[in-house]
Amino acid sequence: MSSVPITPDIRAKILSSIKDDGASLAELAKTYGLAEDTIKKWLRGTVDNAQTSSSEFQRLRRENQYLKEIIGTQLLERELAKKNLTRP
């Protein structure tokens, strides 16, 4: 739709208008000559107002799961050690 490239600043302005100001996606798409799907794709690429990318979010989720597994293993080993100490 748009023959003019959208700069990162304009993209950030559009996303901010939607997230912070509640602007209409359809209105912004029309104003900037973009397809609504393009803006939706940009929105999916960010998770929160800090604009954490979905790939970063997924990386953090995997890291969190890994750390939970480590903690679980350590707790299990500690419980087993307690049982071995209490056996006659």
C-alpha atoms as a PDB file:
ATOM      1  CA  MET A   1       0.000   0.000   0.000  1.00  0.00           C
ATOM      2  CA  SER A   2       2.555   2.558   1.126  1.00  0.00           C
ATOM      3  CA  SER A   3       5.212   3.385  -1.409  1.00  0.00           C
ATOM      4  CA  VAL A   4       7.028   5.524   1.167  1.00  0.00           C
ATOM      5  CA  PRO A   5       9.213   3.505   3.541  1.00  0.00           C
ATOM      6  CA  ILE A   6       8.136   3.626   7.164  1.00  0.00           C
ATOM      7  CA  THR A   7      11.021   4.676   9.388  1.00  0.00           C
ATOM      8  CA  PRO A   8      11.544   3.065  12.795  1.00  0.00           C
ATOM      9  CA  ASP A   9      10.466   6.365  14.398  1.00  0.00           C
ATOM     10  CA  ILE A  10       7.160   6.407  12.531  1.00  0.00           C
ATOM     11  CA  ARG A  11       6.616   2.732  13.341  1.00  0.00           C
ATOM     12  CA  ALA A  12       7.232   3.448  17.032  1.00  0.00           C
ATOM     13  CA  LYS A  13       4.835   6.407  16.857  1.00  0.00           C
ATOM     14  CA  ILE A  14       2.114   4.227  15.303  1.00  0.00           C
ATOM     15  CA  LEU A  15       2.554   1.487  17.906  1.00  0.00           C
ATOM     16  CA  SER A  16       2.594   4.026  20.718  1.00  0.00           C
ATOM     17  CA  SER A  17      -0.585   5.640  19.394  1.00  0.00           C
ATOM     18  CA  ILE A  18      -2.357   2.283  19.517  1.00  0.00           C
ATOM     19  CA  LYS A  19      -0.991   1.051  22.843  1.00  0.00           C
ATOM     20  CA  ASP A  20      -0.824   4.250  24.855  1.00  0.00           C
ATOM     21  CA  ASP A  21      -3.459   6.471  23.282  1.00  0.00           C
ATOM     22  CA  GLY A  22      -5.965   3.858  22.157  1.00  0.00           C
ATOM     23  CA  ALA A  23      -5.894   5.054  18.561  1.00  0.00           C
ATOM     24  CA  SER A  24      -7.810   3.054  15.991  1.00  0.00           C
ATOM     25  CA  LEU A  25      -5.716   0.587  14.031  1.00  0.00           C
ATOM     26  CA  ALA A  26      -7.895   1.164  10.970  1.00  0.00           C
ATOM     27  CA  GLU A  27      -7.482   4.948  11.164  1.00  0.00           C
ATOM     28  CA  LEU A  28      -3.714   4.734  11.508  1.00  0.00           C
ATOM     29  CA  ALA A  29      -3.471   2.265   8.634  1.00  0.00           C
ATOM     30  CA  LYS A  30      -5.440   4.664   6.443  1.00  0.00           C
ATOM     31  CA  THR A  31      -3.474   7.714   7.593  1.00  0.00           C
ATOM     32  CA  TYR A  32      -0.100   6.142   6.881  1.00  0.00           C
ATOM     33  CA  GLY A  33      -1.201   4.149   3.829  1.00  0.00           C
ATOM     34  CA  LEU A  34      -0.488   0.779   5.448  1.00  0.00           C
ATOM     35  CA  ALA A  35      -2.330  -2.497   5.485  1.00  0.00           C
ATOM     36  CA  GLU A  36      -3.944  -3.223   8.848  1.00  0.00           C
ATOM     37  CA  ASP A  37      -2.222  -6.619   8.797  1.00  0.00           C
ATOM     38  CA  THR A  38       1.157  -4.879   8.701  1.00  0.00           C
ATOM     39  CA  ILE A  39       0.398  -2.992  11.901  1.00  0.00           C
ATOM     40  CA  LYS A  40      -1.025  -6.155  13.502  1.00  0.00           C
ATOM     41  CA  LYS A  41       2.236  -7.932  12.649  1.00  0.00           C
ATOM     42  CA  TRP A  42       4.194  -5.146  14.318  1.00  0.00           C
ATOM     43  CA  LEU A  43       1.982  -5.429  17.393  1.00  0.00           C
ATOM     44  CA  ARG A  44       2.551  -9.190  17.588  1.00  0.00           C
ATOM     45  CA  GLY A  45       6.287  -8.526  17.432  1.00  0.00           C
ATOM     46  CA  THR A  46       6.142  -6.622  20.705  1.00  0.00           C
ATOM     47  CA  VAL A  47       4.967  -7.930  24.034  1.00  0.00           C
ATOM     48  CA  ASP A  48       4.753  -4.853  26.209  1.00  0.00           C
ATOM     49  CA  ASN A  49       5.329  -1.105  26.203  1.00  0.00           C
ATOM     50  CA  ALA A  50       9.062  -1.691  26.603  1.00  0.00           C
ATOM     51  CA  GLN A  51       8.806  -3.356  23.206  1.00  0.00           C
ATOM     52  CA  THR A  52      10.287  -6.659  24.266  1.00  0.00           C
ATOM     53  CA  SER A  53      10.319  -8.731  21.123  1.00  0.00           C
ATOM     54  CA  SER A  54       8.462 -12.020  21.074  1.00  0.00           C
ATOM     55  CA  SER A  55      11.734 -13.858  20.388  1.00  0.00           C
ATOM     56  CA  GLU A  56      13.256 -12.285  23.517  1.00  0.00           C
ATOM     57  CA  PHE A  57      10.146 -13.214  25.465  1.00  0.00           C
ATOM     58  CA  GLN A  58      10.443 -16.828  24.280  1.00  0.00           C
ATOM     59  CA  ARG A  59      14.146 -16.897  25.196  1.00  0.00           C
ATOM     60  CA  LEU A  60      13.325 -15.657  28.687  1.00  0.00           C
ATOM     61  CA  ARG A  61      10.545 -18.225  29.012  1.00  0.00           C
ATOM     62  CA  ARG A  62      12.976 -21.055  28.101  1.00  0.00           C
ATOM     63  CA  GLU A  63      15.578 -19.724  30.524  1.00  0.00           C
ATOM     64  CA  ASN A  64      12.977 -19.536  33.283  1.00  0.00           C
ATOM     65  CA  GLN A  65      11.914 -23.139  32.645  1.00  0.00           C
ATOM     66  CA  TYR A  66      15.548 -24.280  32.728  1.00  0.00           C
ATOM     67  CA  LEU A  67      16.128 -22.512  36.056  1.00  0.00           C
ATOM     68  CA  LYS A  68      12.971 -24.095  37.502  1.00  0.00           C
ATOM     69  CA  GLU A  69      14.289 -27.517  36.492  1.00  0.00           C
ATOM     70  CA  ILE A  70      17.602 -26.830  38.226  1.00  0.00           C
ATOM     71  CA  ILE A  71      15.828 -25.741  41.404  1.00  0.00           C
ATOM     72  CA  GLY A  72      13.571 -28.789  41.259  1.00  0.00           C
ATOM     73  CA  THR A  73      16.562 -31.099  40.908  1.00  0.00           C
ATOM     74  CA  GLN A  74      18.316 -29.473  43.857  1.00  0.00           C
ATOM     75  CA  LEU A  75      15.209 -29.735  46.039  1.00  0.00           C
ATOM     76  CA  LEU A  76      14.785 -33.394  45.126  1.00  0.00           C
ATOM     77  CA  GLU A  77      18.422 -34.145  45.936  1.00  0.00           C
ATOM     78  CA  ARG A  78      18.094 -32.350  49.286  1.00  0.00           C
ATOM     79  CA  GLU A  79      14.955 -34.330  50.185  1.00  0.00           C
ATOM     80  CA  LEU A  80      16.664 -37.598  49.263  1.00  0.00           C
ATOM     81  CA  ALA A  81      19.672 -36.653  51.376  1.00  0.00           C
ATOM     82  CA  LYS A  82      17.370 -35.929  54.355  1.00  0.00           C
ATOM     83  CA  LYS A  83      15.715 -39.339  53.985  1.00  0.00           C
ATOM     84  CA  ASN A  84      19.095 -41.073  53.850  1.00  0.00           C
ATOM     85  CA  LEU A  85      20.200 -39.284  57.031  1.00  0.00           C
ATOM     86  CA  THR A  86      17.071 -40.282  58.938  1.00  0.00           C
ATOM     87  CA  ARG A  87      17.321 -43.966  58.069  1.00  0.00           C
ATOM     88  CA  PRO A  88      18.772 -46.229  60.769  1.00  0.00           C
END
